Amino acid sequence: IYDRVEVLKGATGLLTGAGSLGATINLVRKKPTREFAASVEAGAG
């Protein structure tokens, strides 16, 4: 369901409010498109 994952490393208080010193993980969800699009993915392992 995600379009991309952004990882901001280092102290996060400057940009994301109070937080730990390690990093912030931002999961960005997929957004609708103005044109029709569809896909099906199947896999086995």
ModelCIF file with pLDDT and N, C-alpha, C, O atoms, coordinates in Angstrom:
data_MODEL
#
_entry.id   MODEL 
#
_entity.id                         1 
_entity.type                       polymer 
_entity.pdbx_number_of_molecules   1 
#
_entity_poly.entity_id                      1 
_entity_poly.type                           'polypeptide(L)' 
_entity_poly.nstd_linkage                   no 
_entity_poly.nstd_monomer                   no 
_entity_poly.pdbx_seq_one_letter_code       IYDRVEVLKGATGLLTGAGSLGATINLVRKKPTREFAASVEAGAG 
_entity_poly.pdbx_seq_one_letter_code_can   IYDRVEVLKGATGLLTGAGSLGATINLVRKKPTREFAASVEAGAG 
_entity_poly.pdbx_strand_id                 A 
#
loop_
_entity_poly_seq.entity_id 
_entity_poly_seq.num 
_entity_poly_seq.mon_id 
_entity_poly_seq.hetero 
1 1  ILE n 
1 2  TYR n 
1 3  ASP n 
1 4  ARG n 
1 5  VAL n 
1 6  GLU n 
1 7  VAL n 
1 8  LEU n 
1 9  LYS n 
1 10 GLY n 
1 11 ALA n 
1 12 THR n 
1 13 GLY n 
1 14 LEU n 
1 15 LEU n 
1 16 THR n 
1 17 GLY n 
1 18 ALA n 
1 19 GLY n 
1 20 SER n 
1 21 LEU n 
1 22 GLY n 
1 23 ALA n 
1 24 THR n 
1 25 ILE n 
1 26 ASN n 
1 27 LEU n 
1 28 VAL n 
1 29 ARG n 
1 30 LYS n 
1 31 LYS n 
1 32 PRO n 
1 33 THR n 
1 34 ARG n 
1 35 GLU n 
1 36 PHE n 
1 37 ALA n 
1 38 ALA n 
1 39 SER n 
1 40 VAL n 
1 41 GLU n 
1 42 ALA n 
1 43 GLY n 
1 44 ALA n 
1 45 GLY n 
#
_struct_asym.id          A 
_struct_asym.entity_id   1 
#
loop_
_ma_qa_metric.id 
_ma_qa_metric.mode 
_ma_qa_metric.name 
_ma_qa_metric.software_group_id 
_ma_qa_metric.type 
1 global pLDDT . pLDDT 
2 local  pLDDT . pLDDT 
#
_ma_qa_metric_global.metric_id      1 
_ma_qa_metric_global.metric_value   86.18 
_ma_qa_metric_global.model_id       1 
_ma_qa_metric_global.ordinal_id     1 
#
loop_
_ma_qa_metric_local.label_asym_id 
_ma_qa_metric_local.label_comp_id 
_ma_qa_metric_local.label_seq_id 
_ma_qa_metric_local.metric_id 
_ma_qa_metric_local.metric_value 
_ma_qa_metric_local.model_id 
_ma_qa_metric_local.ordinal_id 
A ILE 1  2 95.00 1 1  
A TYR 2  2 96.00 1 2  
A ASP 3  2 96.00 1 3  
A ARG 4  2 96.00 1 4  
A VAL 5  2 96.00 1 5  
A GLU 6  2 93.00 1 6  
A VAL 7  2 92.00 1 7  
A LEU 8  2 89.00 1 8  
A LYS 9  2 87.00 1 9  
A GLY 10 2 79.00 1 10 
A ALA 11 2 73.00 1 11 
A THR 12 2 68.00 1 12 
A GLY 13 2 61.00 1 13 
A LEU 14 2 63.00 1 14 
A LEU 15 2 65.00 1 15 
A THR 16 2 66.00 1 16 
A GLY 17 2 66.00 1 17 
A ALA 18 2 64.00 1 18 
A GLY 19 2 64.00 1 19 
A SER 20 2 69.00 1 20 
A LEU 21 2 79.00 1 21 
A GLY 22 2 83.00 1 22 
A ALA 23 2 88.00 1 23 
A THR 24 2 88.00 1 24 
A ILE 25 2 91.00 1 25 
A ASN 26 2 91.00 1 26 
A LEU 27 2 93.00 1 27 
A VAL 28 2 95.00 1 28 
A ARG 29 2 95.00 1 29 
A LYS 30 2 96.00 1 30 
A LYS 31 2 96.00 1 31 
A PRO 32 2 96.00 1 32 
A THR 33 2 93.00 1 33 
A ARG 34 2 92.00 1 34 
A GLU 35 2 93.00 1 35 
A PHE 36 2 95.00 1 36 
A ALA 37 2 96.00 1 37 
A ALA 38 2 96.00 1 38 
A SER 39 2 95.00 1 39 
A VAL 40 2 96.00 1 40 
A GLU 41 2 94.00 1 41 
A ALA 42 2 93.00 1 42 
A GLY 43 2 90.00 1 43 
A ALA 44 2 89.00 1 44 
A GLY 45 2 87.00 1 45 
#
loop_
_atom_site.group_PDB 
_atom_site.id 
_atom_site.type_symbol 
_atom_site.label_atom_id 
_atom_site.label_alt_id 
_atom_site.label_comp_id 
_atom_site.label_asym_id 
_atom_site.label_entity_id 
_atom_site.label_seq_id 
_atom_site.pdbx_PDB_ins_code 
_atom_site.Cartn_x 
_atom_site.Cartn_y 
_atom_site.Cartn_z 
_atom_site.occupancy 
_atom_site.B_iso_or_equiv 
_atom_site.pdbx_formal_charge 
_atom_site.auth_seq_id 
_atom_site.auth_comp_id 
_atom_site.auth_asym_id 
_atom_site.auth_atom_id 
_atom_site.pdbx_PDB_model_num 
ATOM 1   N N  . ILE A 1 1  ? 0.816  -1.219  0.000   1.00 95.00 ? 1  ILE A N  1 
ATOM 2   C CA . ILE A 1 1  ? 0.000  0.000   0.000   1.00 95.00 ? 1  ILE A CA 1 
ATOM 3   C C  . ILE A 1 1  ? 0.850  1.271   0.000   1.00 95.00 ? 1  ILE A C  1 
ATOM 4   O O  . ILE A 1 1  ? 0.301  2.373   -0.010  1.00 95.00 ? 1  ILE A O  1 
ATOM 5   N N  . TYR A 1 2  ? 2.167  1.141   0.011   1.00 96.00 ? 2  TYR A N  1 
ATOM 6   C CA . TYR A 1 2  ? 3.024  2.320   0.144   1.00 96.00 ? 2  TYR A CA 1 
ATOM 7   C C  . TYR A 1 2  ? 3.724  2.656   -1.173  1.00 96.00 ? 2  TYR A C  1 
ATOM 8   O O  . TYR A 1 2  ? 4.129  1.774   -1.930  1.00 96.00 ? 2  TYR A O  1 
ATOM 9   N N  . ASP A 1 3  ? 3.853  3.966   -1.420  1.00 96.00 ? 3  ASP A N  1 
ATOM 10  C CA . ASP A 1 3  ? 4.540  4.454   -2.616  1.00 96.00 ? 3  ASP A CA 1 
ATOM 11  C C  . ASP A 1 3  ? 6.044  4.555   -2.393  1.00 96.00 ? 3  ASP A C  1 
ATOM 12  O O  . ASP A 1 3  ? 6.828  4.307   -3.310  1.00 96.00 ? 3  ASP A O  1 
ATOM 13  N N  . ARG A 1 4  ? 6.445  4.915   -1.187  1.00 96.00 ? 4  ARG A N  1 
ATOM 14  C CA . ARG A 1 4  ? 7.871  5.030   -0.871  1.00 96.00 ? 4  ARG A CA 1 
ATOM 15  C C  . ARG A 1 4  ? 8.040  5.095   0.647   1.00 96.00 ? 4  ARG A C  1 
ATOM 16  O O  . ARG A 1 4  ? 7.077  5.293   1.389   1.00 96.00 ? 4  ARG A O  1 
ATOM 17  N N  . VAL A 1 5  ? 9.275  4.925   1.085   1.00 96.00 ? 5  VAL A N  1 
ATOM 18  C CA . VAL A 1 5  ? 9.617  5.035   2.500   1.00 96.00 ? 5  VAL A CA 1 
ATOM 19  C C  . VAL A 1 5  ? 10.762 6.025   2.625   1.00 96.00 ? 5  VAL A C  1 
ATOM 20  O O  . VAL A 1 5  ? 11.798 5.873   1.977   1.00 96.00 ? 5  VAL A O  1 
ATOM 21  N N  . GLU A 1 6  ? 10.574 7.040   3.461   1.00 93.00 ? 6  GLU A N  1 
ATOM 22  C CA . GLU A 1 6  ? 11.588 8.074   3.680   1.00 93.00 ? 6  GLU A CA 1 
ATOM 23  C C  . GLU A 1 6  ? 12.176 7.895   5.081   1.00 93.00 ? 6  GLU A C  1 
ATOM 24  O O  . GLU A 1 6  ? 11.439 7.737   6.055   1.00 93.00 ? 6  GLU A O  1 
ATOM 25  N N  . VAL A 1 7  ? 13.492 7.922   5.174   1.00 92.00 ? 7  VAL A N  1 
ATOM 26  C CA . VAL A 1 7  ? 14.167 7.763   6.467   1.00 92.00 ? 7  VAL A CA 1 
ATOM 27  C C  . VAL A 1 7  ? 15.050 8.990   6.699   1.00 92.00 ? 7  VAL A C  1 
ATOM 28  O O  . VAL A 1 7  ? 16.020 9.221   5.977   1.00 92.00 ? 7  VAL A O  1 
ATOM 29  N N  . LEU A 1 8  ? 14.695 9.762   7.714   1.00 89.00 ? 8  LEU A N  1 
ATOM 30  C CA . LEU A 1 8  ? 15.479 10.929  8.122   1.00 89.00 ? 8  LEU A CA 1 
ATOM 31  C C  . LEU A 1 8  ? 16.358 10.514  9.289   1.00 89.00 ? 8  LEU A C  1 
ATOM 32  O O  . LEU A 1 8  ? 15.862 10.206  10.373  1.00 89.00 ? 8  LEU A O  1 
ATOM 33  N N  . LYS A 1 9  ? 17.664 10.506  9.064   1.00 87.00 ? 9  LYS A N  1 
ATOM 34  C CA . LYS A 1 9  ? 18.594 10.019  10.100  1.00 87.00 ? 9  LYS A CA 1 
ATOM 35  C C  . LYS A 1 9  ? 19.171 11.171  10.907  1.00 87.00 ? 9  LYS A C  1 
ATOM 36  O O  . LYS A 1 9  ? 19.456 12.245  10.377  1.00 87.00 ? 9  LYS A O  1 
ATOM 37  N N  . GLY A 1 10 ? 19.336 10.921  12.205  1.00 79.00 ? 10 GLY A N  1 
ATOM 38  C CA . GLY A 1 10 ? 19.854 11.938  13.105  1.00 79.00 ? 10 GLY A CA 1 
ATOM 39  C C  . GLY A 1 10 ? 18.761 12.449  14.022  1.00 79.00 ? 10 GLY A C  1 
ATOM 40  O O  . GLY A 1 10 ? 17.629 11.969  13.962  1.00 79.00 ? 10 GLY A O  1 
ATOM 41  N N  . ALA A 1 11 ? 19.084 13.419  14.873  1.00 73.00 ? 11 ALA A N  1 
ATOM 42  C CA . ALA A 1 11 ? 18.120 13.998  15.807  1.00 73.00 ? 11 ALA A CA 1 
ATOM 43  C C  . ALA A 1 11 ? 16.930 14.559  15.049  1.00 73.00 ? 11 ALA A C  1 
ATOM 44  O O  . ALA A 1 11 ? 17.104 15.304  14.085  1.00 73.00 ? 11 ALA A O  1 
ATOM 45  N N  . THR A 1 12 ? 15.722 14.208  15.476  1.00 68.00 ? 12 THR A N  1 
ATOM 46  C CA . THR A 1 12 ? 14.531 14.549  14.704  1.00 68.00 ? 12 THR A CA 1 
ATOM 47  C C  . THR A 1 12 ? 13.766 15.751  15.246  1.00 68.00 ? 12 THR A C  1 
ATOM 48  O O  . THR A 1 12 ? 12.775 16.166  14.645  1.00 68.00 ? 12 THR A O  1 
ATOM 49  N N  . GLY A 1 13 ? 14.196 16.308  16.347  1.00 61.00 ? 13 GLY A N  1 
ATOM 50  C CA . GLY A 1 13 ? 13.455 17.409  16.952  1.00 61.00 ? 13 GLY A CA 1 
ATOM 51  C C  . GLY A 1 13 ? 13.325 18.618  16.053  1.00 61.00 ? 13 GLY A C  1 
ATOM 52  O O  . GLY A 1 13 ? 12.337 19.345  16.154  1.00 61.00 ? 13 GLY A O  1 
ATOM 53  N N  . LEU A 1 14 ? 14.287 18.860  15.174  1.00 63.00 ? 14 LEU A N  1 
ATOM 54  C CA . LEU A 1 14 ? 14.268 20.030  14.311  1.00 63.00 ? 14 LEU A CA 1 
ATOM 55  C C  . LEU A 1 14 ? 13.104 20.008  13.332  1.00 63.00 ? 14 LEU A C  1 
ATOM 56  O O  . LEU A 1 14 ? 12.517 21.051  13.042  1.00 63.00 ? 14 LEU A O  1 
ATOM 57  N N  . LEU A 1 15 ? 12.765 18.825  12.819  1.00 65.00 ? 15 LEU A N  1 
ATOM 58  C CA . LEU A 1 15 ? 11.791 18.740  11.737  1.00 65.00 ? 15 LEU A CA 1 
ATOM 59  C C  . LEU A 1 15 ? 10.521 17.981  12.098  1.00 65.00 ? 15 LEU A C  1 
ATOM 60  O O  . LEU A 1 15 ? 9.492  18.192  11.456  1.00 65.00 ? 15 LEU A O  1 
ATOM 61  N N  . THR A 1 16 ? 10.552 17.110  13.094  1.00 66.00 ? 16 THR A N  1 
ATOM 62  C CA . THR A 1 16 ? 9.388  16.256  13.362  1.00 66.00 ? 16 THR A CA 1 
ATOM 63  C C  . THR A 1 16 ? 8.904  16.357  14.797  1.00 66.00 ? 16 THR A C  1 
ATOM 64  O O  . THR A 1 16 ? 8.096  15.530  15.221  1.00 66.00 ? 16 THR A O  1 
ATOM 65  N N  . GLY A 1 17 ? 9.358  17.323  15.550  1.00 66.00 ? 17 GLY A N  1 
ATOM 66  C CA . GLY A 1 17 ? 8.950  17.412  16.946  1.00 66.00 ? 17 GLY A CA 1 
ATOM 67  C C  . GLY A 1 17 ? 9.825  16.541  17.824  1.00 66.00 ? 17 GLY A C  1 
ATOM 68  O O  . GLY A 1 17 ? 10.826 15.990  17.366  1.00 66.00 ? 17 GLY A O  1 
ATOM 69  N N  . ALA A 1 18 ? 9.449  16.417  19.082  1.00 64.00 ? 18 ALA A N  1 
ATOM 70  C CA . ALA A 1 18 ? 10.250 15.631  20.020  1.00 64.00 ? 18 ALA A CA 1 
ATOM 71  C C  . ALA A 1 18 ? 10.362 14.192  19.545  1.00 64.00 ? 18 ALA A C  1 
ATOM 72  O O  . ALA A 1 18 ? 9.387  13.606  19.075  1.00 64.00 ? 18 ALA A O  1 
ATOM 73  N N  . GLY A 1 19 ? 11.543 13.634  19.668  1.00 64.00 ? 19 GLY A N  1 
ATOM 74  C CA . GLY A 1 19 ? 11.738 12.258  19.229  1.00 64.00 ? 19 GLY A CA 1 
ATOM 75  C C  . GLY A 1 19 ? 13.114 11.769  19.611  1.00 64.00 ? 19 GLY A C  1 
ATOM 76  O O  . GLY A 1 19 ? 13.889 12.482  20.248  1.00 64.00 ? 19 GLY A O  1 
ATOM 77  N N  . SER A 1 20 ? 13.411 10.538  19.214  1.00 69.00 ? 20 SER A N  1 
ATOM 78  C CA . SER A 1 20 ? 14.690 9.926   19.551  1.00 69.00 ? 20 SER A CA 1 
ATOM 79  C C  . SER A 1 20 ? 15.794 10.458  18.643  1.00 69.00 ? 20 SER A C  1 
ATOM 80  O O  . SER A 1 20 ? 15.536 11.165  17.668  1.00 69.00 ? 20 SER A O  1 
ATOM 81  N N  . LEU A 1 21 ? 17.010 10.107  18.984  1.00 79.00 ? 21 LEU A N  1 
ATOM 82  C CA . LEU A 1 21 ? 18.174 10.597  18.243  1.00 79.00 ? 21 LEU A CA 1 
ATOM 83  C C  . LEU A 1 21 ? 18.503 9.748   17.017  1.00 79.00 ? 21 LEU A C  1 
ATOM 84  O O  . LEU A 1 21 ? 19.330 10.142  16.195  1.00 79.00 ? 21 LEU A O  1 
ATOM 85  N N  . GLY A 1 22 ? 17.860 8.583   16.891  1.00 83.00 ? 22 GLY A N  1 
ATOM 86  C CA . GLY A 1 22 ? 18.237 7.682   15.805  1.00 83.00 ? 22 GLY A CA 1 
ATOM 87  C C  . GLY A 1 22 ? 17.772 8.134   14.443  1.00 83.00 ? 22 GLY A C  1 
ATOM 88  O O  . GLY A 1 22 ? 18.582 8.525   13.603  1.00 83.00 ? 22 GLY A O  1 
ATOM 89  N N  . ALA A 1 23 ? 16.473 8.085   14.217  1.00 88.00 ? 23 ALA A N  1 
ATOM 90  C CA . ALA A 1 23 ? 15.923 8.432   12.905  1.00 88.00 ? 23 ALA A CA 1 
ATOM 91  C C  . ALA A 1 23 ? 14.406 8.468   12.991  1.00 88.00 ? 23 ALA A C  1 
ATOM 92  O O  . ALA A 1 23 ? 13.815 8.063   13.993  1.00 88.00 ? 23 ALA A O  1 
ATOM 93  N N  . THR A 1 24 ? 13.790 8.956   11.930  1.00 88.00 ? 24 THR A N  1 
ATOM 94  C CA . THR A 1 24 ? 12.343 8.900   11.759  1.00 88.00 ? 24 THR A CA 1 
ATOM 95  C C  . THR A 1 24 ? 12.040 8.169   10.462  1.00 88.00 ? 24 THR A C  1 
ATOM 96  O O  . THR A 1 24 ? 12.638 8.457   9.425   1.00 88.00 ? 24 THR A O  1 
ATOM 97  N N  . ILE A 1 25 ? 11.102 7.216   10.520  1.00 91.00 ? 25 ILE A N  1 
ATOM 98  C CA . ILE A 1 25 ? 10.689 6.456   9.343   1.00 91.00 ? 25 ILE A CA 1 
ATOM 99  C C  . ILE A 1 25 ? 9.314  6.952   8.915   1.00 91.00 ? 25 ILE A C  1 
ATOM 100 O O  . ILE A 1 25 ? 8.352  6.867   9.679   1.00 91.00 ? 25 ILE A O  1 
ATOM 101 N N  . ASN A 1 26 ? 9.224  7.470   7.696   1.00 91.00 ? 26 ASN A N  1 
ATOM 102 C CA . ASN A 1 26 ? 7.972  7.998   7.164   1.00 91.00 ? 26 ASN A CA 1 
ATOM 103 C C  . ASN A 1 26 ? 7.491  7.094   6.032   1.00 91.00 ? 26 ASN A C  1 
ATOM 104 O O  . ASN A 1 26 ? 8.142  6.999   4.991   1.00 91.00 ? 26 ASN A O  1 
ATOM 105 N N  . LEU A 1 27 ? 6.356  6.434   6.231   1.00 93.00 ? 27 LEU A N  1 
ATOM 106 C CA . LEU A 1 27 ? 5.773  5.566   5.210   1.00 93.00 ? 27 LEU A CA 1 
ATOM 107 C C  . LEU A 1 27 ? 4.712  6.355   4.455   1.00 93.00 ? 27 LEU A C  1 
ATOM 108 O O  . LEU A 1 27 ? 3.719  6.787   5.040   1.00 93.00 ? 27 LEU A O  1 
ATOM 109 N N  . VAL A 1 28 ? 4.926  6.541   3.148   1.00 95.00 ? 28 VAL A N  1 
ATOM 110 C CA . VAL A 1 28 ? 4.042  7.357   2.318   1.00 95.00 ? 28 VAL A CA 1 
ATOM 111 C C  . VAL A 1 28 ? 3.140  6.438   1.503   1.00 95.00 ? 28 VAL A C  1 
ATOM 112 O O  . VAL A 1 28 ? 3.616  5.660   0.675   1.00 95.00 ? 28 VAL A O  1 
ATOM 113 N N  . ARG A 1 29 ? 1.840  6.532   1.743   1.00 95.00 ? 29 ARG A N  1 
ATOM 114 C CA . ARG A 1 29 ? 0.883  5.656   1.081   1.00 95.00 ? 29 ARG A CA 1 
ATOM 115 C C  . ARG A 1 29 ? 0.664  6.045   -0.386  1.00 95.00 ? 29 ARG A C  1 
ATOM 116 O O  . ARG A 1 29 ? 0.906  7.186   -0.780  1.00 95.00 ? 29 ARG A O  1 
ATOM 117 N N  . LYS A 1 30 ? 0.208  5.089   -1.176  1.00 96.00 ? 30 LYS A N  1 
ATOM 118 C CA . LYS A 1 30 ? -0.110 5.331   -2.576  1.00 96.00 ? 30 LYS A CA 1 
ATOM 119 C C  . LYS A 1 30 ? -1.284 6.304   -2.682  1.00 96.00 ? 30 LYS A C  1 
ATOM 120 O O  . LYS A 1 30 ? -2.169 6.324   -1.826  1.00 96.00 ? 30 LYS A O  1 
ATOM 121 N N  . LYS A 1 31 ? -1.277 7.103   -3.738  1.00 96.00 ? 31 LYS A N  1 
ATOM 122 C CA . LYS A 1 31 ? -2.332 8.077   -3.981  1.00 96.00 ? 31 LYS A CA 1 
ATOM 123 C C  . LYS A 1 31 ? -3.072 7.743   -5.276  1.00 96.00 ? 31 LYS A C  1 
ATOM 124 O O  . LYS A 1 31 ? -2.502 7.110   -6.164  1.00 96.00 ? 31 LYS A O  1 
ATOM 125 N N  . PRO A 1 32 ? -4.334 8.161   -5.394  1.00 96.00 ? 32 PRO A N  1 
ATOM 126 C CA . PRO A 1 32 ? -5.089 7.918   -6.635  1.00 96.00 ? 32 PRO A CA 1 
ATOM 127 C C  . PRO A 1 32 ? -4.489 8.683   -7.810  1.00 96.00 ? 32 PRO A C  1 
ATOM 128 O O  . PRO A 1 32 ? -3.859 9.725   -7.630  1.00 96.00 ? 32 PRO A O  1 
ATOM 129 N N  . THR A 1 33 ? -4.692 8.157   -9.006  1.00 93.00 ? 33 THR A N  1 
ATOM 130 C CA . THR A 1 33 ? -4.213 8.800   -10.228 1.00 93.00 ? 33 THR A CA 1 
ATOM 131 C C  . THR A 1 33 ? -5.394 9.353   -11.023 1.00 93.00 ? 33 THR A C  1 
ATOM 132 O O  . THR A 1 33 ? -6.524 8.892   -10.865 1.00 93.00 ? 33 THR A O  1 
ATOM 133 N N  . ARG A 1 34 ? -5.127 10.343  -11.879 1.00 92.00 ? 34 ARG A N  1 
ATOM 134 C CA . ARG A 1 34 ? -6.185 10.960  -12.676 1.00 92.00 ? 34 ARG A CA 1 
ATOM 135 C C  . ARG A 1 34 ? -6.593 10.096  -13.862 1.00 92.00 ? 34 ARG A C  1 
ATOM 136 O O  . ARG A 1 34 ? -7.637 10.329  -14.472 1.00 92.00 ? 34 ARG A O  1 
ATOM 137 N N  . GLU A 1 35 ? -5.783 9.109   -14.187 1.00 93.00 ? 35 GLU A N  1 
ATOM 138 C CA . GLU A 1 35 ? -6.114 8.188   -15.261 1.00 93.00 ? 35 GLU A CA 1 
ATOM 139 C C  . GLU A 1 35 ? -6.247 6.778   -14.694 1.00 93.00 ? 35 GLU A C  1 
ATOM 140 O O  . GLU A 1 35 ? -5.617 6.436   -13.693 1.00 93.00 ? 35 GLU A O  1 
ATOM 141 N N  . PHE A 1 36 ? -7.075 5.968   -15.347 1.00 95.00 ? 36 PHE A N  1 
ATOM 142 C CA . PHE A 1 36 ? -7.297 4.608   -14.864 1.00 95.00 ? 36 PHE A CA 1 
ATOM 143 C C  . PHE A 1 36 ? -6.009 3.794   -14.962 1.00 95.00 ? 36 PHE A C  1 
ATOM 144 O O  . PHE A 1 36 ? -5.303 3.845   -15.969 1.00 95.00 ? 36 PHE A O  1 
ATOM 145 N N  . ALA A 1 37 ? -5.717 3.050   -13.907 1.00 96.00 ? 37 ALA A N  1 
ATOM 146 C CA . ALA A 1 37 ? -4.555 2.161   -13.900 1.00 96.00 ? 37 ALA A CA 1 
ATOM 147 C C  . ALA A 1 37 ? -4.875 0.965   -13.009 1.00 96.00 ? 37 ALA A C  1 
ATOM 148 O O  . ALA A 1 37 ? -5.516 1.110   -11.968 1.00 96.00 ? 37 ALA A O  1 
ATOM 149 N N  . ALA A 1 38 ? -4.431 -0.196  -13.418 1.00 96.00 ? 38 ALA A N  1 
ATOM 150 C CA . ALA A 1 38 ? -4.682 -1.405  -12.638 1.00 96.00 ? 38 ALA A CA 1 
ATOM 151 C C  . ALA A 1 38 ? -3.533 -2.382  -12.832 1.00 96.00 ? 38 ALA A C  1 
ATOM 152 O O  . ALA A 1 38 ? -2.924 -2.441  -13.900 1.00 96.00 ? 38 ALA A O  1 
ATOM 153 N N  . SER A 1 39 ? -3.249 -3.141  -11.793 1.00 95.00 ? 39 SER A N  1 
ATOM 154 C CA . SER A 1 39 ? -2.188 -4.146  -11.886 1.00 95.00 ? 39 SER A CA 1 
ATOM 155 C C  . SER A 1 39 ? -2.498 -5.291  -10.933 1.00 95.00 ? 39 SER A C  1 
ATOM 156 O O  . SER A 1 39 ? -3.146 -5.116  -9.901  1.00 95.00 ? 39 SER A O  1 
ATOM 157 N N  . VAL A 1 40 ? -2.010 -6.471  -11.315 1.00 96.00 ? 40 VAL A N  1 
ATOM 158 C CA . VAL A 1 40 ? -2.117 -7.661  -10.477 1.00 96.00 ? 40 VAL A CA 1 
ATOM 159 C C  . VAL A 1 40 ? -0.745 -8.304  -10.410 1.00 96.00 ? 40 VAL A C  1 
ATOM 160 O O  . VAL A 1 40 ? -0.094 -8.505  -11.435 1.00 96.00 ? 40 VAL A O  1 
ATOM 161 N N  . GLU A 1 41 ? -0.311 -8.623  -9.215  1.00 94.00 ? 41 GLU A N  1 
ATOM 162 C CA . GLU A 1 41 ? 1.001  -9.232  -9.012  1.00 94.00 ? 41 GLU A CA 1 
ATOM 163 C C  . GLU A 1 41 ? 0.830  -10.544 -8.261  1.00 94.00 ? 41 GLU A C  1 
ATOM 164 O O  . GLU A 1 41 ? 0.145  -10.606 -7.240  1.00 94.00 ? 41 GLU A O  1 
ATOM 165 N N  . ALA A 1 42 ? 1.454  -11.577 -8.774  1.00 93.00 ? 42 ALA A N  1 
ATOM 166 C CA . ALA A 1 42 ? 1.422  -12.883 -8.112  1.00 93.00 ? 42 ALA A CA 1 
ATOM 167 C C  . ALA A 1 42 ? 2.835  -13.408 -8.010  1.00 93.00 ? 42 ALA A C  1 
ATOM 168 O O  . ALA A 1 42 ? 3.645  -13.212 -8.916  1.00 93.00 ? 42 ALA A O  1 
ATOM 169 N N  . GLY A 1 43 ? 3.130  -14.069 -6.920  1.00 90.00 ? 43 GLY A N  1 
ATOM 170 C CA . GLY A 1 43 ? 4.479  -14.588 -6.729  1.00 90.00 ? 43 GLY A CA 1 
ATOM 171 C C  . GLY A 1 43 ? 4.492  -15.829 -5.855  1.00 90.00 ? 43 GLY A C  1 
ATOM 172 O O  . GLY A 1 43 ? 3.560  -16.088 -5.093  1.00 90.00 ? 43 GLY A O  1 
ATOM 173 N N  . ALA A 1 44 ? 5.557  -16.579 -5.980  1.00 89.00 ? 44 ALA A N  1 
ATOM 174 C CA . ALA A 1 44 ? 5.745  -17.783 -5.172  1.00 89.00 ? 44 ALA A CA 1 
ATOM 175 C C  . ALA A 1 44 ? 7.227  -17.922 -4.884  1.00 89.00 ? 44 ALA A C  1 
ATOM 176 O O  . ALA A 1 44 ? 8.069  -17.474 -5.662  1.00 89.00 ? 44 ALA A O  1 
ATOM 177 N N  . GLY A 1 45 ? 7.533  -18.546 -3.761  1.00 87.00 ? 45 GLY A N  1 
ATOM 178 C CA . GLY A 1 45 ? 8.930  -18.700 -3.377  1.00 87.00 ? 45 GLY A CA 1 
ATOM 179 C C  . GLY A 1 45 ? 9.156  -19.928 -2.525  1.00 87.00 ? 45 GLY A C  1 
ATOM 180 O O  . GLY A 1 45 ? 10.286 -20.198 -2.119  1.00 87.00 ? 45 GLY A O  1 
#
